Amino acid sequence: MIKFLHTRIRVSNPDASIEFYEKLGFELGERKTSPQGNKLAFLHLPGNDHFLELTYSPDYNVDVPEDLMHTAVGVEDIVKYCDELETGGIEIWPSEWRKKFTSGERKMAFVTDPDGYEVEILER
């Protein structure tokens, strides 16, 4: 069987990215330097096999085009989760997400990391 193991994204400030993803519930695992000299940080969500690899290289200009790609996380109670994120200083969008959740539509929202990568939040 083939398994999907990890996703790598380039970041411009590893510490800011780690702080952001920790607010989403990720835990920092190993930090190391690759043979090519990139600074790597590995984050995972408890109970998941797949992990997120943050890669920093001082000579690489991170410029993420809008809507290039996104990751997604599933949560049990999206209102509670998004409230916690907002309390932690993370902006939830669309801005009217609370109103949308009362209309019976599928409950989903988005946040954007420090480099412009979008993270979709889905209630599962």
PDB file of N, CA and C in Angstrom:
ATOM      1  N   MET A   1       0.838  -1.184   0.000  1.00  0.00           N
ATOM      2  CA  MET A   1       0.000   0.000   0.000  1.00  0.00           C
ATOM      3  C   MET A   1       0.885   1.251   0.000  1.00  0.00           C
ATOM      4  N   ILE A   2       0.496   2.242  -0.763  1.00  0.00           N
ATOM      5  CA  ILE A   2       1.185   3.522  -0.811  1.00  0.00           C
ATOM      6  C   ILE A   2       0.500   4.461   0.174  1.00  0.00           C
ATOM      7  N   LYS A   3       1.288   5.226   0.948  1.00  0.00           N
ATOM      8  CA  LYS A   3       0.742   6.177   1.919  1.00  0.00           C
ATOM      9  C   LYS A   3       1.199   7.587   1.570  1.00  0.00           C
ATOM     10  N   PHE A   4       0.310   8.540   1.755  1.00  0.00           N
ATOM     11  CA  PHE A   4       0.624   9.961   1.583  1.00  0.00           C
ATOM     12  C   PHE A   4       1.253  10.432   2.882  1.00  0.00           C
ATOM     13  N   LEU A   5       2.520  10.823   2.856  1.00  0.00           N
ATOM     14  CA  LEU A   5       3.272  11.044   4.081  1.00  0.00           C
ATOM     15  C   LEU A   5       3.330  12.494   4.556  1.00  0.00           C
ATOM     16  N   HIS A   6       3.669  13.421   3.657  1.00  0.00           N
ATOM     17  CA  HIS A   6       3.778  14.804   4.116  1.00  0.00           C
ATOM     18  C   HIS A   6       3.609  15.782   2.966  1.00  0.00           C
ATOM     19  N   THR A   7       3.415  17.036   3.349  1.00  0.00           N
ATOM     20  CA  THR A   7       3.322  18.145   2.402  1.00  0.00           C
ATOM     21  C   THR A   7       4.345  19.185   2.814  1.00  0.00           C
ATOM     22  N   ARG A   8       5.131  19.659   1.844  1.00  0.00           N
ATOM     23  CA  ARG A   8       6.132  20.683   2.132  1.00  0.00           C
ATOM     24  C   ARG A   8       5.651  22.016   1.584  1.00  0.00           C
ATOM     25  N   ILE A   9       5.827  23.052   2.410  1.00  0.00           N
ATOM     26  CA  ILE A   9       5.583  24.412   1.928  1.00  0.00           C
ATOM     27  C   ILE A   9       6.798  25.262   2.291  1.00  0.00           C
ATOM     28  N   ARG A  10       7.098  26.208   1.435  1.00  0.00           N
ATOM     29  CA  ARG A  10       8.189  27.163   1.694  1.00  0.00           C
ATOM     30  C   ARG A  10       7.644  28.282   2.559  1.00  0.00           C
ATOM     31  N   VAL A  11       8.435  28.702   3.531  1.00  0.00           N
ATOM     32  CA  VAL A  11       8.023  29.786   4.416  1.00  0.00           C
ATOM     33  C   VAL A  11       9.119  30.839   4.485  1.00  0.00           C
ATOM     34  N   SER A  12       8.719  32.071   4.789  1.00  0.00           N
ATOM     35  CA  SER A  12       9.690  33.168   4.868  1.00  0.00           C
ATOM     36  C   SER A  12      10.189  33.410   6.284  1.00  0.00           C
ATOM     37  N   ASN A  13       9.430  32.946   7.288  1.00  0.00           N
ATOM     38  CA  ASN A  13       9.821  33.120   8.677  1.00  0.00           C
ATOM     39  C   ASN A  13       9.367  31.879   9.451  1.00  0.00           C
ATOM     40  N   PRO A  14      10.266  30.927   9.658  1.00  0.00           N
ATOM     41  CA  PRO A  14       9.853  29.671  10.290  1.00  0.00           C
ATOM     42  C   PRO A  14       9.186  29.854  11.649  1.00  0.00           C
ATOM     43  N   ASP A  15       9.705  30.736  12.474  1.00  0.00           N
ATOM     44  CA  ASP A  15       9.137  30.913  13.808  1.00  0.00           C
ATOM     45  C   ASP A  15       7.700  31.444  13.745  1.00  0.00           C
ATOM     46  N   ALA A  16       7.439  32.400  12.851  1.00  0.00           N
ATOM     47  CA  ALA A  16       6.081  32.931  12.702  1.00  0.00           C
ATOM     48  C   ALA A  16       5.136  31.857  12.163  1.00  0.00           C
ATOM     49  N   SER A  17       5.621  31.056  11.237  1.00  0.00           N
ATOM     50  CA  SER A  17       4.780  29.984  10.689  1.00  0.00           C
ATOM     51  C   SER A  17       4.501  28.914  11.729  1.00  0.00           C
ATOM     52  N   ILE A  18       5.509  28.540  12.499  1.00  0.00           N
ATOM     53  CA  ILE A  18       5.313  27.540  13.557  1.00  0.00           C
ATOM     54  C   ILE A  18       4.292  28.057  14.562  1.00  0.00           C
ATOM     55  N   GLU A  19       4.420  29.308  14.972  1.00  0.00           N
ATOM     56  CA  GLU A  19       3.473  29.887  15.932  1.00  0.00           C
ATOM     57  C   GLU A  19       2.050  29.850  15.381  1.00  0.00           C
ATOM     58  N   PHE A  20       1.891  30.205  14.104  1.00  0.00           N
ATOM     59  CA  PHE A  20       0.573  30.187  13.470  1.00  0.00           C
ATOM     60  C   PHE A  20      -0.021  28.783  13.498  1.00  0.00           C
ATOM     61  N   TYR A  21       0.738  27.805  13.020  1.00  0.00           N
ATOM     62  CA  TYR A  21       0.205  26.443  12.940  1.00  0.00           C
ATOM     63  C   TYR A  21      -0.017  25.824  14.313  1.00  0.00           C
ATOM     64  N   GLU A  22       0.767  26.214  15.295  1.00  0.00           N
ATOM     65  CA  GLU A  22       0.509  25.742  16.662  1.00  0.00           C
ATOM     66  C   GLU A  22      -0.835  26.272  17.162  1.00  0.00           C
ATOM     67  N   LYS A  23      -1.200  27.497  16.786  1.00  0.00           N
ATOM     68  CA  LYS A  23      -2.514  28.033  17.170  1.00  0.00           C
ATOM     69  C   LYS A  23      -3.641  27.224  16.537  1.00  0.00           C
ATOM     70  N   LEU A  24      -3.373  26.597  15.388  1.00  0.00           N
ATOM     71  CA  LEU A  24      -4.377  25.757  14.732  1.00  0.00           C
ATOM     72  C   LEU A  24      -4.466  24.373  15.372  1.00  0.00           C
ATOM     73  N   GLY A  25      -3.510  24.056  16.245  1.00  0.00           N
ATOM     74  CA  GLY A  25      -3.525  22.760  16.915  1.00  0.00           C
ATOM     75  C   GLY A  25      -2.398  21.833  16.508  1.00  0.00           C
ATOM     76  N   PHE A  26      -1.549  22.272  15.586  1.00  0.00           N
ATOM     77  CA  PHE A  26      -0.402  21.460  15.177  1.00  0.00           C
ATOM     78  C   PHE A  26       0.629  21.430  16.302  1.00  0.00           C
ATOM     79  N   GLU A  27       1.378  20.353  16.352  1.00  0.00           N
ATOM     80  CA  GLU A  27       2.472  20.228  17.304  1.00  0.00           C
ATOM     81  C   GLU A  27       3.783  20.164  16.539  1.00  0.00           C
ATOM     82  N   LEU A  28       4.768  20.868  17.067  1.00  0.00           N
ATOM     83  CA  LEU A  28       6.093  20.880  16.457  1.00  0.00           C
ATOM     84  C   LEU A  28       6.821  19.604  16.805  1.00  0.00           C
ATOM     85  N   GLY A  29       7.332  18.951  15.798  1.00  0.00           N
ATOM     86  CA  GLY A  29       8.168  17.776  15.997  1.00  0.00           C
ATOM     87  C   GLY A  29       9.620  18.176  15.846  1.00  0.00           C
ATOM     88  N   GLU A  30      10.284  17.540  14.935  1.00  0.00           N
ATOM     89  CA  GLU A  30      11.712  17.756  14.724  1.00  0.00           C
ATOM     90  C   GLU A  30      11.990  19.043  13.942  1.00  0.00           C
ATOM     91  N   ARG A  31      13.077  19.695  14.293  1.00  0.00           N
ATOM     92  CA  ARG A  31      13.630  20.796  13.502  1.00  0.00           C
ATOM     93  C   ARG A  31      15.039  20.380  13.124  1.00  0.00           C
ATOM     94  N   LYS A  32      15.407  20.580  11.855  1.00  0.00           N
ATOM     95  CA  LYS A  32      16.747  20.209  11.426  1.00  0.00           C
ATOM     96  C   LYS A  32      17.120  20.991  10.179  1.00  0.00           C
ATOM     97  N   THR A  33      18.359  20.826   9.759  1.00  0.00           N
ATOM     98  CA  THR A  33      18.859  21.430   8.529  1.00  0.00           C
ATOM     99  C   THR A  33      19.044  20.323   7.504  1.00  0.00           C
ATOM    100  N   SER A  34      18.526  20.535   6.301  1.00  0.00           N
ATOM    101  CA  SER A  34      18.642  19.540   5.238  1.00  0.00           C
ATOM    102  C   SER A  34      20.069  19.538   4.682  1.00  0.00           C
ATOM    103  N   PRO A  35      20.437  18.499   3.941  1.00  0.00           N
ATOM    104  CA  PRO A  35      21.761  18.474   3.302  1.00  0.00           C
ATOM    105  C   PRO A  35      21.993  19.663   2.360  1.00  0.00           C
ATOM    106  N   GLN A  36      20.908  20.247   1.840  1.00  0.00           N
ATOM    107  CA  GLN A  36      21.012  21.421   0.955  1.00  0.00           C
ATOM    108  C   GLN A  36      21.098  22.730   1.726  1.00  0.00           C
ATOM    109  N   GLY A  37      20.997  22.671   3.052  1.00  0.00           N
ATOM    110  CA  GLY A  37      21.093  23.864   3.883  1.00  0.00           C
ATOM    111  C   GLY A  37      19.769  24.507   4.238  1.00  0.00           C
ATOM    112  N   ASN A  38      18.648  23.910   3.826  1.00  0.00           N
ATOM    113  CA  ASN A  38      17.330  24.437   4.196  1.00  0.00           C
ATOM    114  C   ASN A  38      17.043  24.146   5.662  1.00  0.00           C
ATOM    115  N   LYS A  39      16.392  25.081   6.322  1.00  0.00           N
ATOM    116  CA  LYS A  39      15.934  24.882   7.696  1.00  0.00           C
ATOM    117  C   LYS A  39      14.548  24.245   7.618  1.00  0.00           C
ATOM    118  N   LEU A  40      14.389  23.114   8.285  1.00  0.00           N
ATOM    119  CA  LEU A  40      13.146  22.357   8.213  1.00  0.00           C
ATOM    120  C   LEU A  40      12.489  22.273   9.582  1.00  0.00           C
ATOM    121  N   ALA A  41      11.173  22.324   9.582  1.00  0.00           N
ATOM    122  CA  ALA A  41      10.388  22.108  10.788  1.00  0.00           C
ATOM    123  C   ALA A  41       9.226  21.200  10.404  1.00  0.00           C
ATOM    124  N   PHE A  42       9.002  20.184  11.208  1.00  0.00           N
ATOM    125  CA  PHE A  42       7.961  19.205  10.928  1.00  0.00           C
ATOM    126  C   PHE A  42       6.855  19.348  11.963  1.00  0.00           C
ATOM    127  N   LEU A  43       5.623  19.550  11.477  1.00  0.00           N
ATOM    128  CA  LEU A  43       4.467  19.728  12.345  1.00  0.00           C
ATOM    129  C   LEU A  43       3.428  18.660  12.037  1.00  0.00           C
ATOM    130  N   HIS A  44       2.699  18.260  13.059  1.00  0.00           N
ATOM    131  CA  HIS A  44       1.646  17.278  12.848  1.00  0.00           C
ATOM    132  C   HIS A  44       0.454  17.589  13.757  1.00  0.00           C
ATOM    133  N   LEU A  45      -0.681  17.080  13.360  1.00  0.00           N
ATOM    134  CA  LEU A  45      -1.871  17.135  14.197  1.00  0.00           C
ATOM    135  C   LEU A  45      -1.974  15.796  14.918  1.00  0.00           C
ATOM    136  N   PRO A  46      -2.151  15.799  16.233  1.00  0.00           N
ATOM    137  CA  PRO A  46      -2.248  14.544  16.976  1.00  0.00           C
ATOM    138  C   PRO A  46      -3.283  13.607  16.349  1.00  0.00           C
ATOM    139  N   GLY A  47      -2.907  12.350  16.219  1.00  0.00           N
ATOM    140  CA  GLY A  47      -3.794  11.351  15.655  1.00  0.00           C
ATOM    141  C   GLY A  47      -3.721  11.221  14.143  1.00  0.00           C
ATOM    142  N   ASN A  48      -2.859  12.012  13.501  1.00  0.00           N
ATOM    143  CA  ASN A  48      -2.716  11.972  12.049  1.00  0.00           C
ATOM    144  C   ASN A  48      -1.340  11.454  11.668  1.00  0.00           C
ATOM    145  N   ASP A  49      -1.269  10.701  10.581  1.00  0.00           N
ATOM    146  CA  ASP A  49       0.011  10.233  10.068  1.00  0.00           C
ATOM    147  C   ASP A  49       0.677  11.273   9.169  1.00  0.00           C
ATOM    148  N   HIS A  50      -0.118  12.020   8.426  1.00  0.00           N
ATOM    149  CA  HIS A  50       0.386  13.026   7.489  1.00  0.00           C
ATOM    150  C   HIS A  50       0.958  14.211   8.266  1.00  0.00           C
ATOM    151  N   PHE A  51       2.069  14.778   7.811  1.00  0.00           N
ATOM    152  CA  PHE A  51       2.603  15.946   8.503  1.00  0.00           C
ATOM    153  C   PHE A  51       2.931  17.062   7.529  1.00  0.00           C
ATOM    154  N   LEU A  52       3.118  18.241   8.081  1.00  0.00           N
ATOM    155  CA  LEU A  52       3.427  19.443   7.327  1.00  0.00           C
ATOM    156  C   LEU A  52       4.898  19.777   7.531  1.00  0.00           C
ATOM    157  N   GLU A  53       5.626  19.884   6.440  1.00  0.00           N
ATOM    158  CA  GLU A  53       7.049  20.234   6.487  1.00  0.00           C
ATOM    159  C   GLU A  53       7.197  21.693   6.069  1.00  0.00           C
ATOM    160  N   LEU A  54       7.659  22.519   6.995  1.00  0.00           N
ATOM    161  CA  LEU A  54       7.948  23.921   6.685  1.00  0.00           C
ATOM    162  C   LEU A  54       9.403  24.017   6.294  1.00  0.00           C
ATOM    163  N   THR A  55       9.675  24.649   5.164  1.00  0.00           N
ATOM    164  CA  THR A  55      11.041  24.747   4.643  1.00  0.00           C
ATOM    165  C   THR A  55      11.417  26.210   4.484  1.00  0.00           C
ATOM    166  N   TYR A  56      12.535  26.567   5.069  1.00  0.00           N
ATOM    167  CA  TYR A  56      13.041  27.935   4.976  1.00  0.00           C
ATOM    168  C   TYR A  56      14.434  27.925   4.362  1.00  0.00           C
ATOM    169  N   SER A  57      14.617  28.784   3.378  1.00  0.00           N
ATOM    170  CA  SER A  57      15.924  29.006   2.763  1.00  0.00           C
ATOM    171  C   SER A  57      16.078  30.513   2.603  1.00  0.00           C
ATOM    172  N   PRO A  58      17.136  31.106   3.172  1.00  0.00           N
ATOM    173  CA  PRO A  58      17.262  32.562   3.131  1.00  0.00           C
ATOM    174  C   PRO A  58      17.374  33.136   1.717  1.00  0.00           C
ATOM    175  N   ASP A  59      17.764  32.329   0.746  1.00  0.00           N
ATOM    176  CA  ASP A  59      17.911  32.840  -0.616  1.00  0.00           C
ATOM    177  C   ASP A  59      16.673  32.572  -1.483  1.00  0.00           C
ATOM    178  N   TYR A  60      15.595  32.091  -0.883  1.00  0.00           N
ATOM    179  CA  TYR A  60      14.368  31.796  -1.618  1.00  0.00           C
ATOM    180  C   TYR A  60      13.304  32.817  -1.243  1.00  0.00           C
ATOM    181  N   ASN A  61      12.765  33.520  -2.228  1.00  0.00           N
ATOM    182  CA  ASN A  61      11.726  34.516  -2.002  1.00  0.00           C
ATOM    183  C   ASN A  61      10.355  33.837  -2.050  1.00  0.00           C
ATOM    184  N   VAL A  62       9.686  33.778  -0.921  1.00  0.00           N
ATOM    185  CA  VAL A  62       8.365  33.159  -0.864  1.00  0.00           C
ATOM    186  C   VAL A  62       7.329  34.166  -1.347  1.00  0.00           C
ATOM    187  N   ASP A  63       6.630  33.818  -2.420  1.00  0.00           N
ATOM    188  CA  ASP A  63       5.590  34.667  -2.986  1.00  0.00           C
ATOM    189  C   ASP A  63       4.441  33.758  -3.411  1.00  0.00           C
ATOM    190  N   VAL A  64       3.480  33.559  -2.520  1.00  0.00           N
ATOM    191  CA  VAL A  64       2.390  32.619  -2.762  1.00  0.00           C
ATOM    192  C   VAL A  64       1.263  33.337  -3.494  1.00  0.00           C
ATOM    193  N   PRO A  65       0.986  32.959  -4.737  1.00  0.00           N
ATOM    194  CA  PRO A  65      -0.138  33.579  -5.453  1.00  0.00           C
ATOM    195  C   PRO A  65      -1.458  33.242  -4.764  1.00  0.00           C
ATOM    196  N   GLU A  66      -2.391  34.184  -4.777  1.00  0.00           N
ATOM    197  CA  GLU A  66      -3.691  33.962  -4.156  1.00  0.00           C
ATOM    198  C   GLU A  66      -4.357  32.743  -4.776  1.00  0.00           C
ATOM    199  N   ASP A  67      -4.937  31.920  -3.940  1.00  0.00           N
ATOM    200  CA  ASP A  67      -5.702  30.745  -4.355  1.00  0.00           C
ATOM    201  C   ASP A  67      -4.857  29.707  -5.112  1.00  0.00           C
ATOM    202  N   LEU A  68      -3.556  29.664  -4.846  1.00  0.00           N
ATOM    203  CA  LEU A  68      -2.689  28.677  -5.487  1.00  0.00           C
ATOM    204  C   LEU A  68      -3.040  27.274  -5.005  1.00  0.00           C
ATOM    205  N   MET A  69      -3.150  27.127  -3.702  1.00  0.00           N
ATOM    206  CA  MET A  69      -3.437  25.836  -3.091  1.00  0.00           C
ATOM    207  C   MET A  69      -3.922  26.079  -1.681  1.00  0.00           C
ATOM    208  N   HIS A  70      -4.460  25.033  -1.077  1.00  0.00           N
ATOM    209  CA  HIS A  70      -4.807  25.144   0.330  1.00  0.00           C
ATOM    210  C   HIS A  70      -4.721  23.773   0.979  1.00  0.00           C
ATOM    211  N   THR A  71      -4.598  23.788   2.287  1.00  0.00           N
ATOM    212  CA  THR A  71      -4.720  22.577   3.076  1.00  0.00           C
ATOM    213  C   THR A  71      -6.069  22.654   3.773  1.00  0.00           C
ATOM    214  N   ALA A  72      -6.476  21.566   4.400  1.00  0.00           N
ATOM    215  CA  ALA A  72      -7.759  21.568   5.084  1.00  0.00           C
ATOM    216  C   ALA A  72      -7.650  20.760   6.373  1.00  0.00           C
ATOM    217  N   VAL A  73      -8.346  21.245   7.396  1.00  0.00           N
ATOM    218  CA  VAL A  73      -8.435  20.525   8.666  1.00  0.00           C
ATOM    219  C   VAL A  73      -9.913  20.333   8.986  1.00  0.00           C
ATOM    220  N   GLY A  74     -10.218  19.213   9.617  1.00  0.00           N
ATOM    221  CA  GLY A  74     -11.579  18.928  10.035  1.00  0.00           C
ATOM    222  C   GLY A  74     -11.687  19.039  11.542  1.00  0.00           C
ATOM    223  N   VAL A  75     -12.729  19.686  12.006  1.00  0.00           N
ATOM    224  CA  VAL A  75     -12.944  19.880  13.444  1.00  0.00           C
ATOM    225  C   VAL A  75     -14.371  19.453  13.795  1.00  0.00           C
ATOM    226  N   GLU A  76     -14.581  19.107  15.059  1.00  0.00           N
ATOM    227  CA  GLU A  76     -15.909  18.675  15.499  1.00  0.00           C
ATOM    228  C   GLU A  76     -16.880  19.840  15.632  1.00  0.00           C
ATOM    229  N   ASP A  77     -16.414  20.950  16.212  1.00  0.00           N
ATOM    230  CA  ASP A  77     -17.270  22.111  16.464  1.00  0.00           C
ATOM    231  C   ASP A  77     -16.579  23.335  15.868  1.00  0.00           C
ATOM    232  N   ILE A  78     -16.978  23.702  14.670  1.00  0.00           N
ATOM    233  CA  ILE A  78     -16.278  24.765  13.944  1.00  0.00           C
ATOM    234  C   ILE A  78     -16.449  26.129  14.615  1.00  0.00           C
ATOM    235  N   VAL A  79     -17.602  26.388  15.207  1.00  0.00           N
ATOM    236  CA  VAL A  79     -17.811  27.680  15.872  1.00  0.00           C
ATOM    237  C   VAL A  79     -16.848  27.812  17.049  1.00  0.00           C
ATOM    238  N   LYS A  80     -16.773  26.789  17.876  1.00  0.00           N
ATOM    239  CA  LYS A  80     -15.865  26.812  19.018  1.00  0.00           C
ATOM    240  C   LYS A  80     -14.414  26.961  18.556  1.00  0.00           C
ATOM    241  N   TYR A  81     -14.041  26.191  17.546  1.00  0.00           N
ATOM    242  CA  TYR A  81     -12.666  26.227  17.033  1.00  0.00           C
ATOM    243  C   TYR A  81     -12.327  27.618  16.485  1.00  0.00           C
ATOM    244  N   CYS A  82     -13.213  28.171  15.662  1.00  0.00           N
ATOM    245  CA  CYS A  82     -12.959  29.497  15.084  1.00  0.00           C
ATOM    246  C   CYS A  82     -12.955  30.583  16.155  1.00  0.00           C
ATOM    247  N   ASP A  83     -13.811  30.458  17.156  1.00  0.00           N
ATOM    248  CA  ASP A  83     -13.784  31.410  18.272  1.00  0.00           C
ATOM    249  C   ASP A  83     -12.426  31.386  18.959  1.00  0.00           C
ATOM    250  N   GLU A  84     -11.887  30.185  19.174  1.00  0.00           N
ATOM    251  CA  GLU A  84     -10.570  30.058  19.807  1.00  0.00           C
ATOM    252  C   GLU A  84      -9.478  30.676  18.938  1.00  0.00           C
ATOM    253  N   LEU A  85      -9.570  30.469  17.627  1.00  0.00           N
ATOM    254  CA  LEU A  85      -8.574  31.055  16.724  1.00  0.00           C
ATOM    255  C   LEU A  85      -8.647  32.585  16.763  1.00  0.00           C
ATOM    256  N   GLU A  86      -9.865  33.127  16.720  1.00  0.00           N
ATOM    257  CA  GLU A  86     -10.016  34.582  16.776  1.00  0.00           C
ATOM    258  C   GLU A  86      -9.475  35.141  18.081  1.00  0.00           C
ATOM    259  N   THR A  87      -9.727  34.456  19.175  1.00  0.00           N
ATOM    260  CA  THR A  87      -9.186  34.876  20.468  1.00  0.00           C
ATOM    261  C   THR A  87      -7.657  34.890  20.421  1.00  0.00           C
ATOM    262  N   GLY A  88      -7.077  33.970  19.656  1.00  0.00           N
ATOM    263  CA  GLY A  88      -5.625  33.894  19.496  1.00  0.00           C
ATOM    264  C   GLY A  88      -5.067  34.855  18.458  1.00  0.00           C
ATOM    265  N   GLY A  89      -5.925  35.707  17.887  1.00  0.00           N
ATOM    266  CA  GLY A  89      -5.458  36.726  16.953  1.00  0.00           C
ATOM    267  C   GLY A  89      -5.458  36.321  15.488  1.00  0.00           C
ATOM    268  N   ILE A  90      -6.121  35.224  15.158  1.00  0.00           N
ATOM    269  CA  ILE A  90      -6.171  34.776  13.766  1.00  0.00           C
ATOM    270  C   ILE A  90      -7.493  35.216  13.148  1.00  0.00           C
ATOM    271  N   GLU A  91      -7.416  35.838  11.978  1.00  0.00           N
ATOM    272  CA  GLU A  91      -8.605  36.316  11.279  1.00  0.00           C
ATOM    273  C   GLU A  91      -9.259  35.173  10.522  1.00  0.00           C
ATOM    274  N   ILE A  92     -10.549  35.007  10.717  1.00  0.00           N
ATOM    275  CA  ILE A  92     -11.344  33.995  10.025  1.00  0.00           C
ATOM    276  C   ILE A  92     -12.042  34.673   8.849  1.00  0.00           C
ATOM    277  N   TRP A  93     -12.090  34.002   7.726  1.00  0.00           N
ATOM    278  CA  TRP A  93     -12.834  34.523   6.585  1.00  0.00           C
ATOM    279  C   TRP A  93     -13.630  33.406   5.925  1.00  0.00           C
ATOM    280  N   PRO A  94     -14.732  33.724   5.276  1.00  0.00           N
ATOM    281  CA  PRO A  94     -15.222  35.077   5.042  1.00  0.00           C
ATOM    282  C   PRO A  94     -15.661  35.742   6.348  1.00  0.00           C
ATOM    283  N   SER A  95     -15.710  37.061   6.323  1.00  0.00           N
ATOM    284  CA  SER A  95     -15.964  37.815   7.549  1.00  0.00           C
ATOM    285  C   SER A  95     -17.335  37.505   8.156  1.00  0.00           C
ATOM    286  N   GLU A  96     -18.276  37.070   7.369  1.00  0.00           N
ATOM    287  CA  GLU A  96     -19.633  36.765   7.845  1.00  0.00           C
ATOM    288  C   GLU A  96     -19.806  35.277   8.149  1.00  0.00           C
ATOM    289  N   TRP A  97     -18.745  34.606   8.560  1.00  0.00           N
ATOM    290  CA  TRP A  97     -18.813  33.153   8.750  1.00  0.00           C
ATOM    291  C   TRP A  97     -19.856  32.729   9.776  1.00  0.00           C
ATOM    292  N   ARG A  98     -20.039  33.481  10.847  1.00  0.00           N
ATOM    293  CA  ARG A  98     -21.030  33.099  11.866  1.00  0.00           C
ATOM    294  C   ARG A  98     -22.451  33.109  11.294  1.00  0.00           C
ATOM    295  N   LYS A  99     -22.769  34.116  10.489  1.00  0.00           N
ATOM    296  CA  LYS A  99     -24.104  34.194   9.880  1.00  0.00           C
ATOM    297  C   LYS A  99     -24.332  33.034   8.925  1.00  0.00           C
ATOM    298  N   LYS A 100     -23.315  32.663   8.173  1.00  0.00           N
ATOM    299  CA  LYS A 100     -23.455  31.556   7.224  1.00  0.00           C
ATOM    300  C   LYS A 100     -23.747  30.252   7.960  1.00  0.00           C
ATOM    301  N   PHE A 101     -23.197  30.080   9.147  1.00  0.00           N
ATOM    302  CA  PHE A 101     -23.368  28.832   9.870  1.00  0.00           C
ATOM    303  C   PHE A 101     -24.793  28.666  10.401  1.00  0.00           C
ATOM    304  N   THR A 102     -25.537  29.746  10.528  1.00  0.00           N
ATOM    305  CA  THR A 102     -26.913  29.649  11.031  1.00  0.00           C
ATOM    306  C   THR A 102     -27.911  29.378   9.907  1.00  0.00           C
ATOM    307  N   SER A 103     -27.479  29.472   8.659  1.00  0.00           N
ATOM    308  CA  SER A 103     -28.409  29.310   7.541  1.00  0.00           C
ATOM    309  C   SER A 103     -28.494  27.875   7.037  1.00  0.00           C
ATOM    310  N   GLY A 104     -27.804  26.941   7.676  1.00  0.00           N
ATOM    311  CA  GLY A 104     -27.880  25.542   7.271  1.00  0.00           C
ATOM    312  C   GLY A 104     -26.910  25.156   6.176  1.00  0.00           C
ATOM    313  N   GLU A 105     -26.117  26.099   5.695  1.00  0.00           N
ATOM    314  CA  GLU A 105     -25.122  25.772   4.681  1.00  0.00           C
ATOM    315  C   GLU A 105     -24.007  24.921   5.281  1.00  0.00           C
ATOM    316  N   ARG A 106     -23.253  24.324   4.408  1.00  0.00           N
ATOM    317  CA  ARG A 106     -22.095  23.556   4.868  1.00  0.00           C
ATOM    318  C   ARG A 106     -21.188  24.479   5.671  1.00  0.00           C
ATOM    319  N   LYS A 107     -20.743  24.009   6.808  1.00  0.00           N
ATOM    320  CA  LYS A 107     -19.953  24.839   7.698  1.00  0.00           C
ATOM    321  C   LYS A 107     -18.471  24.749   7.333  1.00  0.00           C
ATOM    322  N   MET A 108     -17.975  25.826   6.734  1.00  0.00           N
ATOM    323  CA  MET A 108     -16.558  25.907   6.422  1.00  0.00           C
ATOM    324  C   MET A 108     -16.107  27.351   6.500  1.00  0.00           C
ATOM    325  N   ALA A 109     -14.850  27.515   6.847  1.00  0.00           N
ATOM    326  CA  ALA A 109     -14.244  28.835   6.955  1.00  0.00           C
ATOM    327  C   ALA A 109     -12.790  28.692   6.518  1.00  0.00           C
ATOM    328  N   PHE A 110     -12.093  29.812   6.451  1.00  0.00           N
ATOM    329  CA  PHE A 110     -10.698  29.805   6.041  1.00  0.00           C
ATOM    330  C   PHE A 110      -9.874  30.715   6.945  1.00  0.00           C
ATOM    331  N   VAL A 111      -8.599  30.403   7.043  1.00  0.00           N
ATOM    332  CA  VAL A 111      -7.600  31.279   7.641  1.00  0.00           C
ATOM    333  C   VAL A 111      -6.427  31.311   6.664  1.00  0.00           C
ATOM    334  N   THR A 112      -5.583  32.310   6.815  1.00  0.00           N
ATOM    335  CA  THR A 112      -4.430  32.458   5.933  1.00  0.00           C
ATOM    336  C   THR A 112      -3.173  32.536   6.781  1.00  0.00           C
ATOM    337  N   ASP A 113      -2.176  31.722   6.428  1.00  0.00           N
ATOM    338  CA  ASP A 113      -0.940  31.707   7.218  1.00  0.00           C
ATOM    339  C   ASP A 113      -0.075  32.925   6.879  1.00  0.00           C
ATOM    340  N   PRO A 114       1.019  33.132   7.589  1.00  0.00           N
ATOM    341  CA  PRO A 114       1.825  34.343   7.395  1.00  0.00           C
ATOM    342  C   PRO A 114       2.373  34.542   5.968  1.00  0.00           C
ATOM    343  N   ASP A 115       2.471  33.475   5.186  1.00  0.00           N
ATOM    344  CA  ASP A 115       2.987  33.598   3.818  1.00  0.00           C
ATOM    345  C   ASP A 115       1.889  33.630   2.765  1.00  0.00           C
ATOM    346  N   GLY A 116       0.639  33.491   3.179  1.00  0.00           N
ATOM    347  CA  GLY A 116      -0.465  33.543   2.231  1.00  0.00           C
ATOM    348  C   GLY A 116      -1.067  32.198   1.874  1.00  0.00           C
ATOM    349  N   TYR A 117      -0.597  31.115   2.472  1.00  0.00           N
ATOM    350  CA  TYR A 117      -1.224  29.814   2.246  1.00  0.00           C
ATOM    351  C   TYR A 117      -2.554  29.776   2.984  1.00  0.00           C
ATOM    352  N   GLU A 118      -3.574  29.283   2.310  1.00  0.00           N
ATOM    353  CA  GLU A 118      -4.898  29.197   2.906  1.00  0.00           C
ATOM    354  C   GLU A 118      -5.072  27.846   3.601  1.00  0.00           C
ATOM    355  N   VAL A 119      -5.775  27.879   4.731  1.00  0.00           N
ATOM    356  CA  VAL A 119      -6.147  26.663   5.441  1.00  0.00           C
ATOM    357  C   VAL A 119      -7.671  26.665   5.553  1.00  0.00           C
ATOM    358  N   GLU A 120      -8.285  25.658   4.959  1.00  0.00           N
ATOM    359  CA  GLU A 120      -9.736  25.510   5.028  1.00  0.00           C
ATOM    360  C   GLU A 120     -10.087  24.766   6.316  1.00  0.00           C
ATOM    361  N   ILE A 121     -11.139  25.211   6.973  1.00  0.00           N
ATOM    362  CA  ILE A 121     -11.613  24.584   8.194  1.00  0.00           C
ATOM    363  C   ILE A 121     -13.014  24.033   7.900  1.00  0.00           C
ATOM    364  N   LEU A 122     -13.160  22.741   8.105  1.00  0.00           N
ATOM    365  CA  LEU A 122     -14.436  22.074   7.831  1.00  0.00           C
ATOM    366  C   LEU A 122     -14.963  21.430   9.109  1.00  0.00           C
ATOM    367  N   GLU A 123     -16.259  21.556   9.316  1.00  0.00           N
ATOM    368  CA  GLU A 123     -16.840  20.833  10.437  1.00  0.00           C
ATOM    369  C   GLU A 123     -17.126  19.414   9.976  1.00  0.00           C
ATOM    370  N   ARG A 124     -16.669  18.454  10.768  1.00  0.00           N
ATOM    371  CA  ARG A 124     -16.821  17.044  10.408  1.00  0.00           C
ATOM    372  C   ARG A 124     -17.657  16.328  11.435  1.00  0.00           C
TER     373      ARG A 124
END
